[in-house]
PDB file of N, CA and C in Angstrom:
ATOM      1  N   UNK A   1      -4.173   9.616   8.661  1.00  0.00           N
ATOM      2  CA  UNK A   1      -4.614   8.444   9.068  1.00  0.00           C
ATOM      3  C   UNK A   1      -3.911   7.380   8.463  1.00  0.00           C
ATOM      4  N   UNK A   2      -3.305   6.338   9.065  1.00  0.00           N
ATOM      5  CA  UNK A   2      -2.689   5.218   8.452  1.00  0.00           C
ATOM      6  C   UNK A   2      -3.594   4.359   7.707  1.00  0.00           C
ATOM      7  N   UNK A   3      -3.075   3.618   6.769  1.00  0.00           N
ATOM      8  CA  UNK A   3      -3.793   2.611   5.953  1.00  0.00           C
ATOM      9  C   UNK A   3      -2.933   1.248   6.023  1.00  0.00           C
ATOM     10  N   UNK A   4      -3.662   0.180   5.828  1.00  0.00           N
ATOM     11  CA  UNK A   4      -2.932  -1.111   5.834  1.00  0.00           C
ATOM     12  C   UNK A   4      -2.756  -1.572   4.225  1.00  0.00           C
ATOM     13  N   UNK A   5      -1.582  -1.875   3.924  1.00  0.00           N
ATOM     14  CA  UNK A   5      -1.182  -2.356   2.631  1.00  0.00           C
ATOM     15  C   UNK A   5      -0.507  -3.634   2.642  1.00  0.00           C
ATOM     16  N   UNK A   6      -0.408  -4.392   1.493  1.00  0.00           N
ATOM     17  CA  UNK A   6       0.369  -5.545   1.526  1.00  0.00           C
ATOM     18  C   UNK A   6       1.810  -5.228   1.432  1.00  0.00           C
ATOM     19  N   UNK A   7       2.745  -5.823   2.277  1.00  0.00           N
ATOM     20  CA  UNK A   7       4.232  -5.541   2.184  1.00  0.00           C
ATOM     21  C   UNK A   7       4.922  -6.757   1.722  1.00  0.00           C
ATOM     22  N   UNK A   8       4.165  -7.963   1.825  1.00  0.00           N
ATOM     23  CA  UNK A   8       4.640  -9.148   1.257  1.00  0.00           C
ATOM     24  C   UNK A   8       3.393 -10.069   1.041  1.00  0.00           C
ATOM     25  N   UNK A   9       3.485 -11.155   0.405  1.00  0.00           N
ATOM     26  CA  UNK A   9       2.397 -11.835  -0.067  1.00  0.00           C
ATOM     27  C   UNK A   9       1.328 -12.196   1.186  1.00  0.00           C
ATOM     28  N   UNK A  10       0.154 -11.455   1.086  1.00  0.00           N
ATOM     29  CA  UNK A  10      -0.900 -11.587   2.073  1.00  0.00           C
ATOM     30  C   UNK A  10      -0.619 -11.175   3.412  1.00  0.00           C
ATOM     31  N   UNK A  11       0.505 -10.311   3.564  1.00  0.00           N
ATOM     32  CA  UNK A  11       0.870  -9.674   4.812  1.00  0.00           C
ATOM     33  C   UNK A  11       0.563  -8.232   4.816  1.00  0.00           C
ATOM     34  N   UNK A  12      -0.380  -7.768   5.656  1.00  0.00           N
ATOM     35  CA  UNK A  12      -0.694  -6.353   5.794  1.00  0.00           C
ATOM     36  C   UNK A  12       0.038  -5.649   6.833  1.00  0.00           C
ATOM     37  N   UNK A  13       0.497  -4.397   6.516  1.00  0.00           N
ATOM     38  CA  UNK A  13       1.107  -3.600   7.507  1.00  0.00           C
ATOM     39  C   UNK A  13       0.635  -2.120   7.274  1.00  0.00           C
ATOM     40  N   UNK A  14       0.781  -1.332   8.299  1.00  0.00           N
ATOM     41  CA  UNK A  14       0.332   0.038   8.221  1.00  0.00           C
ATOM     42  C   UNK A  14       1.417   0.928   7.535  1.00  0.00           C
ATOM     43  N   UNK A  15       0.837   1.844   6.665  1.00  0.00           N
ATOM     44  CA  UNK A  15       1.698   2.828   6.105  1.00  0.00           C
ATOM     45  C   UNK A  15       1.108   4.179   6.586  1.00  0.00           C
ATOM     46  N   UNK A  16       1.941   5.214   6.763  1.00  0.00           N
ATOM     47  CA  UNK A  16       1.493   6.458   7.468  1.00  0.00           C
ATOM     48  C   UNK A  16       1.737   7.567   6.534  1.00  0.00           C
ATOM     49  N   UNK A  17       0.787   8.510   6.410  1.00  0.00           N
ATOM     50  CA  UNK A  17       0.903   9.689   5.554  1.00  0.00           C
ATOM     51  C   UNK A  17       1.900  10.679   6.040  1.00  0.00           C
ATOM     52  N   UNK A  18       2.431  11.280   5.011  1.00  0.00           N
ATOM     53  CA  UNK A  18       3.406  12.370   5.366  1.00  0.00           C
ATOM     54  C   UNK A  18       3.155  13.611   4.355  1.00  0.00           C
ATOM     55  N   UNK A  19       3.938  14.646   4.428  1.00  0.00           N
ATOM     56  CA  UNK A  19       3.769  15.809   3.563  1.00  0.00           C
ATOM     57  C   UNK A  19       4.513  15.564   2.209  1.00  0.00           C
ATOM     58  N   UNK A  20       5.409  14.708   2.338  1.00  0.00           N
ATOM     59  CA  UNK A  20       6.136  14.427   1.069  1.00  0.00           C
ATOM     60  C   UNK A  20       5.956  12.894   0.631  1.00  0.00           C
ATOM     61  N   UNK A  21       6.189  12.686  -0.645  1.00  0.00           N
ATOM     62  CA  UNK A  21       6.072  11.347  -1.277  1.00  0.00           C
ATOM     63  C   UNK A  21       7.122  10.423  -0.543  1.00  0.00           C
ATOM     64  N   UNK A  22       6.755   9.167  -0.320  1.00  0.00           N
ATOM     65  CA  UNK A  22       7.602   8.210   0.126  1.00  0.00           C
ATOM     66  C   UNK A  22       7.635   6.995  -0.826  1.00  0.00           C
ATOM     67  N   UNK A  23       8.675   6.103  -0.597  1.00  0.00           N
ATOM     68  CA  UNK A  23       8.696   4.910  -1.485  1.00  0.00           C
ATOM     69  C   UNK A  23       9.096   3.790  -0.611  1.00  0.00           C
ATOM     70  N   UNK A  24       8.776   2.586  -0.958  1.00  0.00           N
ATOM     71  CA  UNK A  24       9.318   1.360  -0.295  1.00  0.00           C
ATOM     72  C   UNK A  24       9.542   0.357  -1.215  1.00  0.00           C
ATOM     73  N   UNK A  25      10.511  -0.556  -0.833  1.00  0.00           N
ATOM     74  CA  UNK A  25      10.909  -1.768  -1.697  1.00  0.00           C
ATOM     75  C   UNK A  25      10.000  -2.902  -1.173  1.00  0.00           C
ATOM     76  N   UNK A  26       9.395  -3.493  -2.098  1.00  0.00           N
ATOM     77  CA  UNK A  26       8.589  -4.700  -1.753  1.00  0.00           C
ATOM     78  C   UNK A  26       9.100  -5.959  -2.487  1.00  0.00           C
ATOM     79  N   UNK A  27      10.167  -6.627  -1.941  1.00  0.00           N
ATOM     80  CA  UNK A  27      10.916  -7.639  -2.700  1.00  0.00           C
ATOM     81  C   UNK A  27       9.993  -8.777  -2.798  1.00  0.00           C
ATOM     82  N   UNK A  28      10.222  -9.594  -3.885  1.00  0.00           N
ATOM     83  CA  UNK A  28       9.423 -10.719  -4.120  1.00  0.00           C
ATOM     84  C   UNK A  28       7.910 -10.544  -4.333  1.00  0.00           C
ATOM     85  N   UNK A  29       7.477  -9.295  -4.623  1.00  0.00           N
ATOM     86  CA  UNK A  29       6.065  -9.083  -4.892  1.00  0.00           C
ATOM     87  C   UNK A  29       5.821  -8.649  -6.279  1.00  0.00           C
ATOM     88  N   UNK A  30       4.792  -8.987  -6.827  1.00  0.00           N
ATOM     89  CA  UNK A  30       4.316  -8.624  -8.272  1.00  0.00           C
ATOM     90  C   UNK A  30       3.379  -7.492  -8.071  1.00  0.00           C
ATOM     91  N   UNK A  31       3.276  -6.790  -9.062  1.00  0.00           N
ATOM     92  CA  UNK A  31       2.435  -5.565  -9.049  1.00  0.00           C
ATOM     93  C   UNK A  31       0.943  -6.076  -8.701  1.00  0.00           C
ATOM     94  N   UNK A  32       0.516  -7.155  -9.285  1.00  0.00           N
ATOM     95  CA  UNK A  32      -0.794  -7.542  -9.185  1.00  0.00           C
ATOM     96  C   UNK A  32      -1.087  -8.125  -7.737  1.00  0.00           C
ATOM     97  N   UNK A  33      -0.065  -8.534  -6.973  1.00  0.00           N
ATOM     98  CA  UNK A  33      -0.206  -8.942  -5.516  1.00  0.00           C
ATOM     99  C   UNK A  33      -0.370  -7.796  -4.501  1.00  0.00           C
ATOM    100  N   UNK A  34      -0.072  -6.486  -4.969  1.00  0.00           N
ATOM    101  CA  UNK A  34      -0.162  -5.397  -4.016  1.00  0.00           C
ATOM    102  C   UNK A  34      -1.723  -5.038  -3.669  1.00  0.00           C
ATOM    103  N   UNK A  35      -1.880  -4.922  -2.400  1.00  0.00           N
ATOM    104  CA  UNK A  35      -3.464  -4.749  -2.179  1.00  0.00           C
ATOM    105  C   UNK A  35      -3.455  -3.640  -1.108  1.00  0.00           C
ATOM    106  N   UNK A  36      -4.586  -2.968  -1.135  1.00  0.00           N
ATOM    107  CA  UNK A  36      -4.926  -1.953  -0.084  1.00  0.00           C
ATOM    108  C   UNK A  36      -6.144  -2.402   0.690  1.00  0.00           C
ATOM    109  N   UNK A  37      -6.089  -2.383   2.001  1.00  0.00           N
ATOM    110  CA  UNK A  37      -7.342  -2.821   2.796  1.00  0.00           C
ATOM    111  C   UNK A  37      -8.349  -1.660   2.738  1.00  0.00           C
ATOM    112  N   UNK A  38      -9.059  -1.680   1.610  1.00  0.00           N
ATOM    113  CA  UNK A  38     -10.134  -0.657   1.575  1.00  0.00           C
ATOM    114  C   UNK A  38     -11.501  -1.222   2.118  1.00  0.00           C
ATOM    115  N   UNK A  39     -11.608  -2.350   2.722  1.00  0.00           N
ATOM    116  CA  UNK A  39     -12.752  -2.828   3.440  1.00  0.00           C
ATOM    117  C   UNK A  39     -12.855  -2.157   4.690  1.00  0.00           C
ATOM    118  N   UNK A  40     -11.646  -2.034   5.476  1.00  0.00           N
ATOM    119  CA  UNK A  40     -11.717  -1.417   6.768  1.00  0.00           C
ATOM    120  C   UNK A  40     -11.391   0.018   6.869  1.00  0.00           C
ATOM    121  N   UNK A  41     -10.919   0.649   5.738  1.00  0.00           N
ATOM    122  CA  UNK A  41     -10.533   1.994   5.627  1.00  0.00           C
ATOM    123  C   UNK A  41     -11.316   2.613   4.435  1.00  0.00           C
ATOM    124  N   UNK A  42     -11.638   3.906   4.496  1.00  0.00           N
ATOM    125  CA  UNK A  42     -12.363   4.596   3.539  1.00  0.00           C
ATOM    126  C   UNK A  42     -11.164   5.494   2.733  1.00  0.00           C
ATOM    127  N   UNK A  43     -10.648   4.848   1.561  1.00  0.00           N
ATOM    128  CA  UNK A  43      -9.660   5.478   0.966  1.00  0.00           C
ATOM    129  C   UNK A  43     -10.033   5.498  -0.578  1.00  0.00           C
ATOM    130  N   UNK A  44      -9.641   6.409  -1.369  1.00  0.00           N
ATOM    131  CA  UNK A  44      -9.628   6.384  -2.853  1.00  0.00           C
ATOM    132  C   UNK A  44      -8.269   5.990  -3.361  1.00  0.00           C
ATOM    133  N   UNK A  45      -8.309   5.239  -4.328  1.00  0.00           N
ATOM    134  CA  UNK A  45      -7.116   4.605  -4.957  1.00  0.00           C
ATOM    135  C   UNK A  45      -6.874   5.155  -6.334  1.00  0.00           C
ATOM    136  N   UNK A  46      -5.594   5.656  -6.484  1.00  0.00           N
ATOM    137  CA  UNK A  46      -5.118   6.058  -7.864  1.00  0.00           C
ATOM    138  C   UNK A  46      -4.023   5.236  -8.155  1.00  0.00           C
ATOM    139  N   UNK A  47      -3.854   4.716  -9.292  1.00  0.00           N
ATOM    140  CA  UNK A  47      -2.786   3.863  -9.707  1.00  0.00           C
ATOM    141  C   UNK A  47      -1.837   4.769 -10.511  1.00  0.00           C
ATOM    142  N   UNK A  48      -0.536   4.789 -10.141  1.00  0.00           N
ATOM    143  CA  UNK A  48       0.496   5.489 -10.801  1.00  0.00           C
ATOM    144  C   UNK A  48       1.595   4.506 -11.279  1.00  0.00           C
ATOM    145  N   UNK A  49       1.886   4.601 -12.529  1.00  0.00           N
ATOM    146  CA  UNK A  49       2.912   3.774 -13.162  1.00  0.00           C
ATOM    147  C   UNK A  49       4.121   4.651 -13.554  1.00  0.00           C
ATOM    148  N   UNK A  50       5.310   4.418 -13.076  1.00  0.00           N
ATOM    149  CA  UNK A  50       6.406   5.197 -13.344  1.00  0.00           C
ATOM    150  C   UNK A  50       6.937   5.151 -14.728  1.00  0.00           C
TER     151      UNK A  50
END
């Protein structure tokens, strides 16, 4: 099931699950500005720092 996340400041887009890890570049975004739309989607969030 896809989930909406911020891809730029206050702009939400869908991301889609896969069997392998994916990554994406989010230029001009700070870590604190990244959001997951967990009001409309039932998701658990785990934060991972490289």
